[in-house]
C-alpha cells in the first residue's frame, strides 16, 4: 500500500519503529508497504491509532487526512 509508506515517511518513522509498535519483524512490515502481503483490519486499526488518522485515509478511500474522533 503506497499510502502507509507515504504516511510513515512524512512522519519520519522507520519501518523498524513501526514494526516494533505493531509487534512484528521489520521484514514483515516491509511486505505490507511493497504489497506482497495484504494489510488486515487489525493492522489498519492499529495504524489509525498510531498516526491518529482516519482508517479511510489509510485505505485510500479518501484523500482527507482527518484525525480520529
N, C-alpha and C. Protein backbone atom coordinates (compact mmCIF):
# COMPACT_ATOMS: atom_id res chain seq x y z
N UNK A 1 0.84 -1.18 0.00
CA UNK A 1 0.00 0.00 0.00
C UNK A 1 0.88 1.24 0.00
N UNK A 2 0.72 2.02 -1.02
CA UNK A 2 1.52 3.23 -1.11
C UNK A 2 1.25 4.22 0.02
N UNK A 3 0.01 4.27 0.45
CA UNK A 3 -0.37 5.26 1.45
C UNK A 3 0.33 5.01 2.78
N UNK A 4 0.48 3.77 3.23
CA UNK A 4 1.12 3.55 4.53
C UNK A 4 2.60 3.92 4.49
N UNK A 5 3.21 3.74 3.35
CA UNK A 5 4.61 4.16 3.22
C UNK A 5 4.70 5.69 3.21
N UNK A 6 3.80 6.31 2.49
CA UNK A 6 3.76 7.77 2.41
C UNK A 6 3.59 8.40 3.79
N UNK A 7 2.65 7.89 4.57
CA UNK A 7 2.39 8.43 5.91
C UNK A 7 3.62 8.23 6.79
N UNK A 8 4.18 7.03 6.75
CA UNK A 8 5.36 6.72 7.59
C UNK A 8 6.51 7.66 7.27
N UNK A 9 6.77 7.86 5.99
CA UNK A 9 7.88 8.73 5.59
C UNK A 9 7.63 10.19 5.94
N UNK A 10 6.37 10.65 5.80
CA UNK A 10 6.03 12.03 6.19
C UNK A 10 6.32 12.26 7.67
N UNK A 11 6.07 11.26 8.48
CA UNK A 11 6.26 11.38 9.93
C UNK A 11 7.69 11.03 10.37
N UNK A 12 8.52 10.67 9.39
CA UNK A 12 9.93 10.34 9.66
C UNK A 12 10.07 9.21 10.68
N UNK A 13 9.31 8.16 10.44
CA UNK A 13 9.33 6.98 11.29
C UNK A 13 9.95 5.84 10.50
N UNK A 14 10.83 5.09 11.11
CA UNK A 14 11.46 3.97 10.40
C UNK A 14 10.51 2.77 10.36
N UNK A 15 10.74 1.90 9.41
CA UNK A 15 9.98 0.66 9.35
C UNK A 15 10.17 -0.13 10.64
N UNK A 16 11.36 -0.12 11.18
CA UNK A 16 11.66 -0.85 12.41
C UNK A 16 10.83 -0.33 13.58
N UNK A 17 10.76 0.99 13.72
CA UNK A 17 9.97 1.57 14.82
C UNK A 17 8.50 1.17 14.71
N UNK A 18 7.97 1.24 13.50
CA UNK A 18 6.57 0.90 13.30
C UNK A 18 6.33 -0.59 13.49
N UNK A 19 7.23 -1.40 12.99
CA UNK A 19 7.12 -2.86 13.16
C UNK A 19 7.14 -3.21 14.65
N UNK A 20 8.00 -2.57 15.42
CA UNK A 20 8.05 -2.82 16.87
C UNK A 20 6.71 -2.47 17.51
N UNK A 21 6.13 -1.34 17.14
CA UNK A 21 4.83 -0.94 17.67
C UNK A 21 3.76 -1.98 17.33
N UNK A 22 3.82 -2.52 16.11
CA UNK A 22 2.83 -3.49 15.65
C UNK A 22 3.12 -4.91 16.15
N UNK A 23 4.29 -5.10 16.76
CA UNK A 23 4.65 -6.41 17.30
C UNK A 23 5.05 -7.41 16.24
N UNK A 24 5.79 -6.93 15.25
CA UNK A 24 6.24 -7.83 14.18
C UNK A 24 7.66 -7.47 13.76
N UNK A 25 8.25 -8.31 12.95
CA UNK A 25 9.59 -8.05 12.41
C UNK A 25 9.50 -6.98 11.33
N UNK A 26 10.57 -6.23 11.18
CA UNK A 26 10.63 -5.18 10.17
C UNK A 26 10.41 -5.74 8.77
N UNK A 27 10.94 -6.93 8.50
CA UNK A 27 10.79 -7.54 7.17
C UNK A 27 9.32 -7.81 6.86
N UNK A 28 8.56 -8.22 7.86
CA UNK A 28 7.14 -8.47 7.64
C UNK A 28 6.41 -7.16 7.34
N UNK A 29 6.70 -6.12 8.11
CA UNK A 29 6.07 -4.82 7.86
C UNK A 29 6.42 -4.33 6.45
N UNK A 30 7.65 -4.52 6.05
CA UNK A 30 8.08 -4.10 4.71
C UNK A 30 7.22 -4.73 3.62
N UNK A 31 6.78 -5.95 3.84
CA UNK A 31 5.93 -6.63 2.85
C UNK A 31 4.58 -5.94 2.71
N UNK A 32 4.10 -5.31 3.77
CA UNK A 32 2.86 -4.52 3.66
C UNK A 32 3.07 -3.35 2.70
N UNK A 33 4.18 -2.65 2.90
CA UNK A 33 4.44 -1.46 2.08
C UNK A 33 4.69 -1.81 0.61
N UNK A 34 5.25 -2.96 0.36
CA UNK A 34 5.51 -3.34 -1.03
C UNK A 34 4.33 -4.06 -1.67
N UNK A 35 3.31 -4.36 -0.88
CA UNK A 35 2.13 -5.02 -1.41
C UNK A 35 2.25 -6.53 -1.53
N UNK A 36 3.31 -7.08 -0.99
CA UNK A 36 3.50 -8.54 -1.05
C UNK A 36 2.57 -9.26 -0.07
N UNK A 37 2.16 -8.55 0.99
CA UNK A 37 1.22 -9.09 1.98
C UNK A 37 0.11 -8.06 2.15
N UNK A 38 -1.14 -8.52 2.16
CA UNK A 38 -2.27 -7.62 2.36
C UNK A 38 -2.37 -7.23 3.83
N UNK A 39 -2.68 -5.96 4.05
CA UNK A 39 -2.83 -5.44 5.40
C UNK A 39 -4.21 -5.84 5.92
N UNK A 40 -4.24 -6.49 7.08
CA UNK A 40 -5.54 -6.90 7.63
C UNK A 40 -6.17 -5.78 8.45
N UNK A 41 -7.41 -5.97 8.82
CA UNK A 41 -8.18 -4.95 9.52
C UNK A 41 -7.53 -4.54 10.84
N UNK A 42 -7.02 -5.50 11.58
CA UNK A 42 -6.40 -5.18 12.87
C UNK A 42 -5.19 -4.27 12.71
N UNK A 43 -4.41 -4.50 11.68
CA UNK A 43 -3.24 -3.65 11.43
C UNK A 43 -3.68 -2.25 11.03
N UNK A 44 -4.71 -2.15 10.19
CA UNK A 44 -5.23 -0.83 9.79
C UNK A 44 -5.70 -0.07 11.03
N UNK A 45 -6.40 -0.74 11.93
CA UNK A 45 -6.87 -0.09 13.15
C UNK A 45 -5.70 0.40 13.99
N UNK A 46 -4.67 -0.43 14.14
CA UNK A 46 -3.50 -0.03 14.92
C UNK A 46 -2.78 1.15 14.27
N UNK A 47 -2.68 1.15 12.95
CA UNK A 47 -2.04 2.26 12.24
C UNK A 47 -2.85 3.54 12.42
N UNK A 48 -4.17 3.43 12.35
CA UNK A 48 -5.02 4.61 12.53
C UNK A 48 -4.81 5.22 13.91
N UNK A 49 -4.72 4.39 14.92
CA UNK A 49 -4.49 4.87 16.28
C UNK A 49 -3.09 5.46 16.40
N UNK A 50 -2.10 4.75 15.89
CA UNK A 50 -0.71 5.21 15.98
C UNK A 50 -0.54 6.59 15.34
N UNK A 51 -1.11 6.75 14.16
CA UNK A 51 -0.96 8.01 13.43
C UNK A 51 -2.05 9.03 13.77
N UNK A 52 -3.07 8.62 14.54
CA UNK A 52 -4.22 9.48 14.83
C UNK A 52 -4.80 10.02 13.53
N UNK A 53 -5.14 9.10 12.66
CA UNK A 53 -5.64 9.45 11.33
C UNK A 53 -6.74 8.47 10.94
N UNK A 54 -7.65 8.92 10.14
CA UNK A 54 -8.77 8.09 9.71
C UNK A 54 -8.31 6.83 8.97
N UNK A 55 -8.97 5.71 9.28
CA UNK A 55 -8.68 4.47 8.55
C UNK A 55 -9.05 4.63 7.08
N UNK A 56 -10.05 5.46 6.78
CA UNK A 56 -10.42 5.72 5.38
C UNK A 56 -9.25 6.29 4.61
N UNK A 57 -8.48 7.15 5.25
CA UNK A 57 -7.31 7.73 4.59
C UNK A 57 -6.25 6.65 4.35
N UNK A 58 -6.01 5.83 5.34
CA UNK A 58 -5.03 4.75 5.21
C UNK A 58 -5.43 3.79 4.08
N UNK A 59 -6.73 3.52 3.98
CA UNK A 59 -7.25 2.59 2.96
C UNK A 59 -7.44 3.24 1.59
N UNK A 60 -7.07 4.52 1.50
CA UNK A 60 -7.15 5.28 0.24
C UNK A 60 -8.59 5.45 -0.25
N UNK A 61 -9.53 5.51 0.71
CA UNK A 61 -10.93 5.77 0.37
C UNK A 61 -11.22 7.26 0.33
N UNK A 62 -10.31 8.05 0.90
CA UNK A 62 -10.42 9.49 0.89
C UNK A 62 -9.01 10.07 0.86
N UNK A 63 -8.91 11.31 0.41
CA UNK A 63 -7.63 12.00 0.43
C UNK A 63 -7.58 13.02 1.57
N UNK A 64 -8.61 13.03 2.39
CA UNK A 64 -8.71 13.95 3.51
C UNK A 64 -8.09 13.31 4.75
N UNK A 65 -7.07 13.96 5.29
CA UNK A 65 -6.39 13.46 6.49
C UNK A 65 -7.15 13.95 7.73
N UNK A 66 -8.11 13.17 8.16
CA UNK A 66 -8.90 13.54 9.33
C UNK A 66 -8.36 12.80 10.55
N UNK A 67 -8.26 13.50 11.67
CA UNK A 67 -7.86 12.80 12.91
C UNK A 67 -8.99 11.91 13.39
N UNK A 68 -8.66 10.94 14.23
CA UNK A 68 -9.68 10.09 14.83
C UNK A 68 -10.54 10.93 15.77
N UNK A 69 -11.77 10.55 15.90
CA UNK A 69 -12.68 11.27 16.81
C UNK A 69 -12.68 10.61 18.16
